[in-house]
Amino acid sequence: MFSYYNKSAFHERCVPKQDQGTSPAPPPAAGGKRTEADYRQCNEVAEDKIWRESVKNEWKGVQQWEDNWGFLKEYDQKGRPKPQKELPERVPVYSDDMPNTTNGVIGSRMKTDLGRHMFQLERALMTGHKKKKLGTELMCYD
C-alpha cells in the first residue's frame, strides 16, 4: 500500500500517545512467570483508553470509507450498475424452515434417524414402569 508518510510518521499519527508515567509490563523473567511487581507496573486504565481510541479510530475509518468509496457498492466489477433487490413488503417474524424456540430445536432432532432410534429406545425403557393392574393376592380389600 502506498503512503506519503513513512511508517514512523504514520504510526505517530494513528496510535495514541501513552501516558509518560507508565510503561507496559516488562517481559517475564527467564522462568516465564510474571511476579506481583510486574503486574503493579501495568496501568489498565491507560491500556483501556488506548483500546477505546483504537476502536473509535476504526469506526471513524469505516465511516470515511462509506463517504469516500461507498458508491462502489452500487456497481459490479465491470462498472455496470447493480440491479436493486426488491425488498418484501412484509417479513414474517417466525421462520418456516428453522426452529424458533429451544424446544423446537430439540424437537427438530427427532426427524433424523438417530433421533427416531433414541426415541424408540426411550419408549422401550419406559414400558416396564407403566401402571399395571395388580393381582388379587396383593389387594387388602374385596
Protein backbone atom coordinates (compact mmCIF):
# COMPACT_ATOMS: atom_id res chain seq x y z
CA MET A 1 0.00 0.00 0.00
CA PHE A 2 1.39 3.40 -0.96
CA SER A 3 1.59 6.12 1.64
CA TYR A 4 3.04 9.62 1.67
CA TYR A 5 4.06 9.03 5.25
CA ASN A 6 6.85 6.77 6.28
CA LYS A 7 5.94 4.12 8.80
CA SER A 8 7.06 6.06 11.85
CA ALA A 9 5.10 9.20 10.89
CA PHE A 10 2.02 7.12 10.14
CA HIS A 11 2.45 5.32 13.44
CA GLU A 12 2.78 8.59 15.34
CA ARG A 13 -0.42 9.93 13.75
CA CYS A 14 -2.64 6.91 14.34
CA VAL A 15 -1.52 5.36 17.59
CA PRO A 16 -2.49 7.36 20.68
CA LYS A 17 0.32 8.53 22.88
CA GLN A 18 0.71 6.64 26.13
CA ASP A 19 1.00 8.32 29.49
CA GLN A 20 4.59 9.18 30.26
CA GLY A 21 4.40 7.82 33.82
CA THR A 22 3.50 4.27 32.86
CA SER A 23 5.04 1.65 30.67
CA PRO A 24 3.91 -1.79 29.67
CA ALA A 25 4.89 -4.64 31.92
CA PRO A 26 8.41 -5.91 31.28
CA PRO A 27 8.75 -9.34 29.74
CA PRO A 28 8.66 -12.19 32.25
CA ALA A 29 11.83 -13.49 33.77
CA ALA A 30 13.62 -16.50 32.30
CA GLY A 31 11.24 -18.82 34.16
CA GLY A 32 8.31 -17.44 32.16
CA LYS A 33 6.12 -16.44 35.12
CA ARG A 34 5.31 -12.86 35.99
CA THR A 35 5.65 -11.63 39.54
CA GLU A 36 3.36 -9.37 41.56
CA ALA A 37 5.74 -6.46 40.93
CA ASP A 38 5.38 -6.92 37.18
CA TYR A 39 1.63 -6.53 37.46
CA ARG A 40 1.92 -3.42 39.64
CA GLN A 41 3.72 -1.66 36.78
CA CYS A 42 0.76 -2.14 34.43
CA ASN A 43 -1.77 0.64 34.01
CA GLU A 44 -5.09 -0.90 32.99
CA VAL A 45 -6.82 2.48 32.73
CA ALA A 46 -4.30 3.76 30.17
CA GLU A 47 -4.48 0.50 28.23
CA ASP A 48 -8.28 0.71 28.21
CA LYS A 49 -8.08 4.29 26.96
CA ILE A 50 -5.76 3.21 24.14
CA TRP A 51 -8.13 0.38 23.22
CA ARG A 52 -11.15 2.71 23.18
CA GLU A 53 -9.32 5.22 20.98
CA SER A 54 -8.29 2.48 18.55
CA VAL A 55 -11.91 1.25 18.32
CA LYS A 56 -13.06 4.84 17.77
CA ASN A 57 -10.48 5.27 15.00
CA GLU A 58 -11.61 2.04 13.39
CA TRP A 59 -15.27 3.15 13.33
CA LYS A 60 -14.15 6.52 12.01
CA GLY A 61 -12.33 4.71 9.19
CA VAL A 62 -15.48 2.74 8.37
CA GLN A 63 -17.50 5.94 8.15
CA GLN A 64 -14.85 7.60 5.99
CA TRP A 65 -14.84 4.60 3.67
CA GLU A 66 -18.62 4.89 3.33
CA ASP A 67 -18.27 8.58 2.44
CA ASN A 68 -15.34 8.15 0.04
CA TRP A 69 -15.87 4.74 -1.52
CA GLY A 70 -19.40 3.67 -0.61
CA PHE A 71 -20.64 4.42 -4.11
CA LEU A 72 -18.69 1.38 -5.36
CA LYS A 73 -21.21 -0.92 -3.69
CA GLU A 74 -23.79 0.17 -6.25
CA TYR A 75 -21.74 -1.13 -9.21
CA ASP A 76 -20.49 -4.58 -10.20
CA GLN A 77 -16.88 -5.43 -11.12
CA LYS A 78 -17.27 -4.20 -14.70
CA GLY A 79 -18.71 -0.84 -13.66
CA ARG A 80 -22.32 -1.57 -14.55
CA PRO A 81 -24.97 -0.57 -12.01
CA LYS A 82 -26.17 -3.47 -9.90
CA PRO A 83 -29.91 -4.15 -10.06
CA GLN A 84 -31.68 -3.11 -6.89
CA LYS A 85 -33.05 -6.01 -4.89
CA GLU A 86 -36.71 -5.58 -4.17
CA LEU A 87 -37.43 -5.98 -0.50
CA PRO A 88 -40.62 -7.74 0.54
CA GLU A 89 -43.37 -5.58 1.92
CA ARG A 90 -43.78 -7.79 4.97
CA VAL A 91 -41.34 -10.22 6.52
CA PRO A 92 -42.66 -12.90 8.88
CA VAL A 93 -41.13 -12.92 12.32
CA TYR A 94 -41.09 -16.71 12.59
CA SER A 95 -39.19 -18.96 10.22
CA ASP A 96 -40.83 -21.80 8.32
CA ASP A 97 -37.71 -23.91 7.91
CA MET A 98 -35.76 -23.15 11.13
CA PRO A 99 -36.96 -23.83 14.70
CA ASN A 100 -38.00 -20.68 16.52
CA THR A 101 -37.65 -21.91 20.10
CA THR A 102 -35.28 -24.09 22.08
CA ASN A 103 -37.95 -26.79 22.29
CA GLY A 104 -38.26 -26.60 18.53
CA VAL A 105 -34.52 -27.15 18.16
CA ILE A 106 -34.69 -30.23 20.36
CA GLY A 107 -37.82 -31.48 18.61
CA SER A 108 -36.30 -30.97 15.17
CA ARG A 109 -33.64 -33.51 16.05
CA MET A 110 -36.35 -36.16 16.28
CA LYS A 111 -36.74 -36.09 12.49
CA THR A 112 -33.33 -37.71 11.99
CA ASP A 113 -32.67 -41.46 12.01
CA LEU A 114 -30.64 -41.16 15.20
CA GLY A 115 -33.43 -39.19 16.88
CA ARG A 116 -36.03 -41.80 15.95
CA HIS A 117 -33.80 -44.60 17.24
CA MET A 118 -33.23 -42.77 20.54
CA PHE A 119 -36.98 -42.22 20.89
CA GLN A 120 -37.64 -45.94 20.34
CA LEU A 121 -35.03 -46.85 22.97
CA GLU A 122 -36.55 -44.41 25.44
CA ARG A 123 -40.04 -45.85 24.92
CA ALA A 124 -38.68 -49.39 25.33
CA LEU A 125 -37.12 -48.45 28.67
CA MET A 126 -40.30 -46.77 29.90
CA THR A 127 -42.65 -49.69 29.16
CA GLY A 128 -41.68 -51.51 32.35
CA HIS A 129 -42.68 -48.53 34.50
CA LYS A 130 -46.19 -48.05 33.22
CA LYS A 131 -49.10 -48.56 35.59
CA LYS A 132 -50.11 -52.23 35.71
CA LYS A 133 -53.13 -53.91 37.17
CA LEU A 134 -52.13 -55.67 40.36
CA GLY A 135 -53.06 -59.23 41.09
CA THR A 136 -55.83 -60.01 43.60
CA GLU A 137 -53.43 -61.59 46.11
CA LEU A 138 -51.87 -58.17 46.90
CA MET A 139 -55.17 -56.35 47.46
CA CYS A 140 -56.22 -55.70 51.03
CA TYR A 141 -59.90 -55.21 50.23
CA ASP A 142 -62.57 -57.13 48.36
